[in-house]
Amino acid sequence: MNLAELTVGQDIGSRRLEISRADLVKYAGASGDFNPIHWNERFAREVDLPGVIAHGMFTMGSAVQLVTDWAGDPAAVVSYGTRFTKPVPVADLDGAPGAVVEVSGTIGALDAAAGTARIDLNVTLDGQKVLVKAQATVRVA
């Protein structure tokens, strides 16, 4: 990928994140985040959530995979940030995806002096944004 070949507004692709309860259990083990809102339906509802929800960092990390795939090197991502706007409820469907998050990305800005591209991600569940201002800065050759 060459900076001169990129344009603001250019589409970098899209992907579907199919999330199951098993994914949440695996992430809890890897991250050490065993908060019951991520695995216990009764507890999640008692604290006014719509049910078990995906870890915010799981959603954020899964969404940026689109950028790392496009860049071809995870180390090319020099910064990444977002704001969480809605939880991602994950239904218990016996191992099948309990939520499907849609992720698409476009080039939002180019910085020739720094040799970087800002990638703006659109991350939605059922047409509603779950992450806003999801932006990654990528070092480009």
N, C-alpha and C. Protein backbone atom coordinates (compact mmCIF):
# COMPACT_ATOMS: atom_id res chain seq x y z
N MET A 1 0.85 -1.16 0.00
CA MET A 1 0.00 0.00 0.00
C MET A 1 0.90 1.23 0.00
N ASN A 2 0.56 2.17 -0.85
CA ASN A 2 1.35 3.39 -1.02
C ASN A 2 0.45 4.58 -0.73
N LEU A 3 0.94 5.53 0.06
CA LEU A 3 0.15 6.70 0.45
C LEU A 3 -0.37 7.44 -0.78
N ALA A 4 0.41 7.53 -1.83
CA ALA A 4 0.01 8.26 -3.04
C ALA A 4 -1.18 7.60 -3.74
N GLU A 5 -1.40 6.32 -3.48
CA GLU A 5 -2.51 5.59 -4.11
C GLU A 5 -3.82 5.69 -3.32
N LEU A 6 -3.77 6.30 -2.15
CA LEU A 6 -4.95 6.38 -1.29
C LEU A 6 -5.66 7.71 -1.44
N THR A 7 -6.98 7.70 -1.22
CA THR A 7 -7.76 8.94 -1.27
C THR A 7 -8.71 9.00 -0.08
N VAL A 8 -8.96 10.21 0.39
CA VAL A 8 -9.93 10.41 1.46
C VAL A 8 -11.30 9.96 0.95
N GLY A 9 -12.00 9.19 1.76
CA GLY A 9 -13.30 8.65 1.39
C GLY A 9 -13.23 7.26 0.80
N GLN A 10 -12.03 6.78 0.53
CA GLN A 10 -11.84 5.44 -0.05
C GLN A 10 -12.29 4.37 0.94
N ASP A 11 -13.03 3.41 0.45
CA ASP A 11 -13.53 2.29 1.24
C ASP A 11 -12.39 1.29 1.44
N ILE A 12 -12.22 0.80 2.68
CA ILE A 12 -11.19 -0.22 2.92
C ILE A 12 -11.80 -1.60 3.10
N GLY A 13 -13.13 -1.70 3.07
CA GLY A 13 -13.79 -2.99 3.20
C GLY A 13 -14.77 -3.04 4.35
N SER A 14 -15.29 -4.24 4.56
CA SER A 14 -16.25 -4.45 5.64
C SER A 14 -16.15 -5.89 6.11
N ARG A 15 -16.72 -6.13 7.27
CA ARG A 15 -16.77 -7.50 7.80
C ARG A 15 -17.91 -7.61 8.80
N ARG A 16 -18.32 -8.84 9.04
CA ARG A 16 -19.35 -9.15 10.02
C ARG A 16 -18.70 -9.85 11.21
N LEU A 17 -18.97 -9.35 12.39
CA LEU A 17 -18.48 -10.00 13.60
C LEU A 17 -19.63 -10.82 14.18
N GLU A 18 -19.53 -12.13 14.05
CA GLU A 18 -20.55 -13.02 14.60
C GLU A 18 -20.09 -13.43 15.99
N ILE A 19 -20.81 -12.94 17.01
CA ILE A 19 -20.38 -13.10 18.40
C ILE A 19 -21.31 -14.08 19.11
N SER A 20 -20.72 -15.09 19.74
CA SER A 20 -21.49 -16.06 20.52
C SER A 20 -21.14 -15.92 22.00
N ARG A 21 -21.93 -16.53 22.84
CA ARG A 21 -21.62 -16.54 24.27
C ARG A 21 -20.28 -17.23 24.51
N ALA A 22 -19.96 -18.24 23.72
CA ALA A 22 -18.67 -18.92 23.88
C ALA A 22 -17.52 -17.95 23.64
N ASP A 23 -17.68 -17.03 22.68
CA ASP A 23 -16.64 -16.02 22.44
C ASP A 23 -16.42 -15.16 23.68
N LEU A 24 -17.51 -14.83 24.38
CA LEU A 24 -17.39 -14.01 25.58
C LEU A 24 -16.67 -14.75 26.70
N VAL A 25 -16.93 -16.03 26.82
CA VAL A 25 -16.25 -16.84 27.83
C VAL A 25 -14.75 -16.91 27.53
N LYS A 26 -14.42 -17.13 26.26
CA LYS A 26 -13.01 -17.18 25.86
C LYS A 26 -12.32 -15.84 26.13
N TYR A 27 -13.00 -14.75 25.80
CA TYR A 27 -12.41 -13.44 26.02
C TYR A 27 -12.24 -13.16 27.51
N ALA A 28 -13.22 -13.55 28.31
CA ALA A 28 -13.10 -13.36 29.76
C ALA A 28 -11.86 -14.07 30.29
N GLY A 29 -11.63 -15.28 29.83
CA GLY A 29 -10.45 -16.02 30.27
C GLY A 29 -9.16 -15.37 29.83
N ALA A 30 -9.14 -14.86 28.61
CA ALA A 30 -7.92 -14.23 28.09
C ALA A 30 -7.65 -12.88 28.75
N SER A 31 -8.71 -12.14 29.04
CA SER A 31 -8.54 -10.77 29.57
C SER A 31 -8.56 -10.70 31.09
N GLY A 32 -9.13 -11.73 31.71
CA GLY A 32 -9.29 -11.69 33.16
C GLY A 32 -10.51 -10.90 33.61
N ASP A 33 -11.36 -10.48 32.67
CA ASP A 33 -12.57 -9.71 32.99
C ASP A 33 -13.74 -10.67 33.14
N PHE A 34 -14.00 -11.07 34.38
CA PHE A 34 -15.07 -12.03 34.66
C PHE A 34 -16.31 -11.34 35.23
N ASN A 35 -16.51 -10.07 34.91
CA ASN A 35 -17.70 -9.35 35.36
C ASN A 35 -18.93 -10.15 34.92
N PRO A 36 -19.88 -10.42 35.84
CA PRO A 36 -21.02 -11.26 35.50
C PRO A 36 -21.95 -10.68 34.42
N ILE A 37 -21.83 -9.40 34.09
CA ILE A 37 -22.67 -8.87 33.01
C ILE A 37 -22.30 -9.49 31.67
N HIS A 38 -21.14 -10.15 31.61
CA HIS A 38 -20.69 -10.76 30.37
C HIS A 38 -20.98 -12.25 30.29
N TRP A 39 -21.64 -12.82 31.33
CA TRP A 39 -21.93 -14.25 31.27
C TRP A 39 -23.18 -14.68 32.03
N ASN A 40 -23.70 -13.82 32.92
CA ASN A 40 -24.84 -14.20 33.76
C ASN A 40 -26.06 -13.37 33.38
N GLU A 41 -27.01 -14.00 32.70
CA GLU A 41 -28.21 -13.32 32.21
C GLU A 41 -28.99 -12.65 33.35
N ARG A 42 -29.21 -13.39 34.44
CA ARG A 42 -29.99 -12.85 35.56
C ARG A 42 -29.32 -11.60 36.13
N PHE A 43 -28.02 -11.69 36.36
CA PHE A 43 -27.30 -10.55 36.92
C PHE A 43 -27.36 -9.34 35.98
N ALA A 44 -27.12 -9.58 34.69
CA ALA A 44 -27.13 -8.49 33.71
C ALA A 44 -28.48 -7.78 33.72
N ARG A 45 -29.57 -8.52 33.78
CA ARG A 45 -30.90 -7.91 33.79
C ARG A 45 -31.16 -7.16 35.11
N GLU A 46 -30.63 -7.69 36.21
CA GLU A 46 -30.79 -7.02 37.52
C GLU A 46 -30.12 -5.65 37.55
N VAL A 47 -29.11 -5.44 36.73
CA VAL A 47 -28.43 -4.13 36.68
C VAL A 47 -28.90 -3.33 35.45
N ASP A 48 -30.11 -3.66 34.99
CA ASP A 48 -30.79 -2.91 33.92
C ASP A 48 -30.13 -2.98 32.55
N LEU A 49 -29.47 -4.07 32.27
CA LEU A 49 -28.96 -4.31 30.93
C LEU A 49 -29.97 -5.17 30.18
N PRO A 50 -29.92 -5.18 28.85
CA PRO A 50 -30.87 -5.99 28.08
C PRO A 50 -30.60 -7.49 28.13
N GLY A 51 -29.56 -7.88 28.83
CA GLY A 51 -29.11 -9.27 28.93
C GLY A 51 -27.60 -9.26 28.95
N VAL A 52 -27.01 -10.42 28.76
CA VAL A 52 -25.55 -10.52 28.73
C VAL A 52 -25.04 -9.66 27.58
N ILE A 53 -23.97 -8.89 27.86
CA ILE A 53 -23.40 -8.02 26.82
C ILE A 53 -21.93 -8.37 26.58
N ALA A 54 -21.50 -8.09 25.37
CA ALA A 54 -20.09 -8.31 25.01
C ALA A 54 -19.22 -7.31 25.75
N HIS A 55 -18.01 -7.71 26.08
CA HIS A 55 -17.02 -6.81 26.66
C HIS A 55 -16.78 -5.67 25.67
N GLY A 56 -16.70 -4.45 26.16
CA GLY A 56 -16.42 -3.32 25.27
C GLY A 56 -15.10 -3.48 24.55
N MET A 57 -14.08 -3.94 25.27
CA MET A 57 -12.77 -4.10 24.65
C MET A 57 -12.76 -5.24 23.63
N PHE A 58 -13.61 -6.24 23.83
CA PHE A 58 -13.75 -7.31 22.84
C PHE A 58 -14.31 -6.72 21.54
N THR A 59 -15.36 -5.92 21.68
CA THR A 59 -15.98 -5.29 20.50
C THR A 59 -14.98 -4.38 19.80
N MET A 60 -14.31 -3.55 20.58
CA MET A 60 -13.33 -2.61 20.03
C MET A 60 -12.20 -3.35 19.31
N GLY A 61 -11.66 -4.35 19.97
CA GLY A 61 -10.55 -5.11 19.39
C GLY A 61 -10.95 -5.90 18.16
N SER A 62 -12.16 -6.45 18.17
CA SER A 62 -12.63 -7.20 17.01
C SER A 62 -12.87 -6.28 15.82
N ALA A 63 -13.36 -5.07 16.08
CA ALA A 63 -13.64 -4.12 15.00
C ALA A 63 -12.36 -3.68 14.29
N VAL A 64 -11.28 -3.45 15.05
CA VAL A 64 -10.05 -2.95 14.43
C VAL A 64 -9.36 -4.02 13.57
N GLN A 65 -9.80 -5.25 13.67
CA GLN A 65 -9.23 -6.31 12.82
C GLN A 65 -9.38 -5.97 11.35
N LEU A 66 -10.47 -5.27 11.00
CA LEU A 66 -10.64 -4.84 9.61
C LEU A 66 -9.46 -3.97 9.18
N VAL A 67 -9.01 -3.09 10.05
CA VAL A 67 -7.90 -2.19 9.74
C VAL A 67 -6.59 -2.97 9.63
N THR A 68 -6.33 -3.86 10.57
CA THR A 68 -5.07 -4.61 10.53
C THR A 68 -5.01 -5.52 9.30
N ASP A 69 -6.16 -6.08 8.91
CA ASP A 69 -6.19 -6.89 7.69
C ASP A 69 -5.89 -6.03 6.47
N TRP A 70 -6.49 -4.83 6.42
CA TRP A 70 -6.26 -3.93 5.29
C TRP A 70 -4.81 -3.48 5.24
N ALA A 71 -4.24 -3.14 6.40
CA ALA A 71 -2.86 -2.67 6.45
C ALA A 71 -1.86 -3.79 6.17
N GLY A 72 -2.24 -5.02 6.48
CA GLY A 72 -1.35 -6.16 6.25
C GLY A 72 -0.34 -6.37 7.36
N ASP A 73 -0.40 -5.53 8.40
CA ASP A 73 0.55 -5.63 9.50
C ASP A 73 -0.06 -4.95 10.72
N PRO A 74 -0.35 -5.69 11.78
CA PRO A 74 -0.92 -5.07 12.98
C PRO A 74 -0.04 -3.97 13.56
N ALA A 75 1.27 -4.06 13.37
CA ALA A 75 2.19 -3.05 13.91
C ALA A 75 2.08 -1.72 13.15
N ALA A 76 1.40 -1.72 12.01
CA ALA A 76 1.22 -0.47 11.26
C ALA A 76 0.21 0.45 11.94
N VAL A 77 -0.63 -0.10 12.81
CA VAL A 77 -1.61 0.72 13.54
C VAL A 77 -0.87 1.41 14.68
N VAL A 78 -0.76 2.74 14.58
CA VAL A 78 0.00 3.48 15.58
C VAL A 78 -0.89 4.06 16.68
N SER A 79 -2.19 4.18 16.41
CA SER A 79 -3.13 4.59 17.46
C SER A 79 -4.54 4.15 17.08
N TYR A 80 -5.36 3.99 18.10
CA TYR A 80 -6.74 3.55 17.88
C TYR A 80 -7.55 3.98 19.08
N GLY A 81 -8.70 4.57 18.83
CA GLY A 81 -9.57 4.99 19.92
C GLY A 81 -11.01 5.00 19.48
N THR A 82 -11.90 5.02 20.45
CA THR A 82 -13.33 5.04 20.17
C THR A 82 -14.09 5.48 21.40
N ARG A 83 -15.37 5.72 21.23
CA ARG A 83 -16.31 5.92 22.34
C ARG A 83 -17.37 4.84 22.22
N PHE A 84 -17.74 4.28 23.35
CA PHE A 84 -18.77 3.24 23.39
C PHE A 84 -20.13 3.92 23.56
N THR A 85 -21.09 3.59 22.69
CA THR A 85 -22.38 4.25 22.77
C THR A 85 -23.52 3.33 23.17
N LYS A 86 -23.46 2.08 22.80
CA LYS A 86 -24.51 1.13 23.14
C LYS A 86 -23.87 -0.22 23.45
N PRO A 87 -24.47 -0.95 24.39
CA PRO A 87 -23.96 -2.29 24.65
C PRO A 87 -24.30 -3.23 23.49
N VAL A 88 -23.56 -4.32 23.41
CA VAL A 88 -23.81 -5.34 22.39
C VAL A 88 -24.37 -6.57 23.12
N PRO A 89 -25.72 -6.69 23.17
CA PRO A 89 -26.31 -7.88 23.81
C PRO A 89 -26.02 -9.12 22.97
N VAL A 90 -25.69 -10.21 23.66
CA VAL A 90 -25.38 -11.46 22.97
C VAL A 90 -26.33 -12.52 23.50
N ALA A 91 -27.29 -12.91 22.65
CA ALA A 91 -28.28 -13.92 23.04
C ALA A 91 -27.62 -15.28 23.20
N ASP A 92 -28.23 -16.13 24.00
CA ASP A 92 -27.73 -17.49 24.22
C ASP A 92 -28.39 -18.40 23.18
N LEU A 93 -27.65 -18.71 22.13
CA LEU A 93 -28.20 -19.51 21.04
C LEU A 93 -27.42 -20.81 20.84
N ASP A 94 -27.02 -21.44 21.92
CA ASP A 94 -26.34 -22.74 21.86
C ASP A 94 -25.15 -22.76 20.91
N GLY A 95 -24.27 -21.78 21.05
CA GLY A 95 -23.04 -21.74 20.27
C GLY A 95 -23.16 -20.97 18.97
N ALA A 96 -24.38 -20.72 18.52
CA ALA A 96 -24.56 -19.91 17.30
C ALA A 96 -24.37 -18.44 17.65
N PRO A 97 -24.07 -17.61 16.66
CA PRO A 97 -23.90 -16.18 16.95
C PRO A 97 -25.16 -15.59 17.60
N GLY A 98 -24.97 -14.96 18.74
CA GLY A 98 -26.07 -14.31 19.44
C GLY A 98 -26.14 -12.83 19.13
N ALA A 99 -25.15 -12.34 18.39
CA ALA A 99 -25.12 -10.95 17.93
C ALA A 99 -24.26 -10.89 16.67
N VAL A 100 -24.65 -10.02 15.75
CA VAL A 100 -23.86 -9.81 14.54
C VAL A 100 -23.59 -8.31 14.43
N VAL A 101 -22.33 -7.96 14.56
CA VAL A 101 -21.91 -6.56 14.47
C VAL A 101 -21.31 -6.35 13.08
N GLU A 102 -21.74 -5.27 12.44
CA GLU A 102 -21.25 -4.92 11.10
C GLU A 102 -20.17 -3.85 11.24
N VAL A 103 -19.06 -4.05 10.56
CA VAL A 103 -17.94 -3.10 10.60
C VAL A 103 -17.56 -2.73 9.17
N SER A 104 -17.45 -1.42 8.91
CA SER A 104 -16.94 -0.96 7.62
C SER A 104 -15.96 0.17 7.89
N GLY A 105 -15.07 0.39 6.95
CA GLY A 105 -14.05 1.42 7.15
C GLY A 105 -13.80 2.24 5.91
N THR A 106 -13.49 3.51 6.15
CA THR A 106 -13.11 4.41 5.07
C THR A 106 -11.91 5.24 5.50
N ILE A 107 -11.19 5.72 4.53
CA ILE A 107 -10.07 6.62 4.84
C ILE A 107 -10.65 7.99 5.14
N GLY A 108 -10.39 8.47 6.35
CA GLY A 108 -10.94 9.75 6.79
C GLY A 108 -9.98 10.91 6.59
N ALA A 109 -8.69 10.63 6.59
CA ALA A 109 -7.69 11.69 6.42
C ALA A 109 -6.36 11.05 6.04
N LEU A 110 -5.55 11.83 5.33
CA LEU A 110 -4.20 11.40 4.96
C LEU A 110 -3.22 12.47 5.44
N ASP A 111 -2.09 12.04 5.98
CA ASP A 111 -1.06 12.96 6.44
C ASP A 111 0.25 12.56 5.75
N ALA A 112 0.56 13.25 4.66
CA ALA A 112 1.75 12.92 3.87
C ALA A 112 3.02 13.12 4.68
N ALA A 113 3.07 14.17 5.50
CA ALA A 113 4.27 14.46 6.29
C ALA A 113 4.57 13.34 7.28
N ALA A 114 3.51 12.80 7.90
CA ALA A 114 3.69 11.73 8.88
C ALA A 114 3.68 10.35 8.23
N GLY A 115 3.21 10.28 6.99
CA GLY A 115 3.11 8.99 6.31
C GLY A 115 2.02 8.12 6.89
N THR A 116 0.88 8.75 7.26
CA THR A 116 -0.19 7.99 7.90
C THR A 116 -1.54 8.25 7.23
N ALA A 117 -2.44 7.31 7.46
CA ALA A 117 -3.83 7.42 7.04
C ALA A 117 -4.69 7.23 8.28
N ARG A 118 -5.73 8.06 8.41
CA ARG A 118 -6.70 7.85 9.49
C ARG A 118 -7.85 7.05 8.91
N ILE A 119 -8.14 5.93 9.53
CA ILE A 119 -9.24 5.08 9.10
C ILE A 119 -10.41 5.29 10.06
N ASP A 120 -11.56 5.63 9.49
CA ASP A 120 -12.78 5.81 10.27
C ASP A 120 -13.63 4.55 10.14
N LEU A 121 -13.97 3.98 11.29
CA LEU A 121 -14.77 2.75 11.29
C LEU A 121 -16.22 3.07 11.61
N ASN A 122 -17.12 2.38 10.94
CA ASN A 122 -18.55 2.43 11.23
C ASN A 122 -18.89 1.06 11.83
N VAL A 123 -19.30 1.05 13.10
CA VAL A 123 -19.51 -0.21 13.82
C VAL A 123 -20.95 -0.21 14.34
N THR A 124 -21.78 -1.14 13.79
CA THR A 124 -23.20 -1.13 14.12
C THR A 124 -23.72 -2.51 14.49
N LEU A 125 -24.79 -2.49 15.26
CA LEU A 125 -25.56 -3.69 15.59
C LEU A 125 -27.01 -3.35 15.27
N ASP A 126 -27.63 -4.12 14.41
CA ASP A 126 -29.01 -3.87 14.00
C ASP A 126 -29.21 -2.43 13.52
N GLY A 127 -28.21 -1.91 12.80
CA GLY A 127 -28.31 -0.59 12.22
C GLY A 127 -28.01 0.56 13.17
N GLN A 128 -27.72 0.28 14.44
CA GLN A 128 -27.41 1.33 15.41
C GLN A 128 -25.93 1.28 15.76
N LYS A 129 -25.32 2.45 15.83
CA LYS A 129 -23.89 2.52 16.15
C LYS A 129 -23.63 2.06 17.58
N VAL A 130 -22.65 1.18 17.74
CA VAL A 130 -22.24 0.73 19.07
C VAL A 130 -20.90 1.35 19.46
N LEU A 131 -20.14 1.81 18.46
CA LEU A 131 -18.91 2.56 18.68
C LEU A 131 -19.02 3.83 17.83
N VAL A 132 -18.61 4.96 18.38
CA VAL A 132 -18.55 6.20 17.58
C VAL A 132 -17.14 6.77 17.67
N LYS A 133 -16.80 7.55 16.67
CA LYS A 133 -15.45 8.10 16.57
C LYS A 133 -14.41 6.99 16.68
N ALA A 134 -14.73 5.84 16.10
CA ALA A 134 -13.78 4.73 16.06
C ALA A 134 -12.79 5.04 14.95
N GLN A 135 -11.58 5.42 15.35
CA GLN A 135 -10.58 5.86 14.39
C GLN A 135 -9.23 5.24 14.70
N ALA A 136 -8.59 4.78 13.63
CA ALA A 136 -7.25 4.21 13.75
C ALA A 136 -6.31 4.97 12.84
N THR A 137 -5.13 5.27 13.35
CA THR A 137 -4.09 5.89 12.52
C THR A 137 -3.13 4.79 12.12
N VAL A 138 -2.88 4.72 10.80
CA VAL A 138 -2.08 3.62 10.23
C VAL A 138 -0.88 4.21 9.51
N ARG A 139 0.29 3.68 9.81
CA ARG A 139 1.51 4.07 9.09
C ARG A 139 1.48 3.42 7.72
N VAL A 140 1.69 4.23 6.68
CA VAL A 140 1.61 3.77 5.30
C VAL A 140 2.96 4.04 4.64
N ALA A 141 3.37 3.14 3.77
CA ALA A 141 4.66 3.30 3.06
C ALA A 141 4.63 4.52 2.15
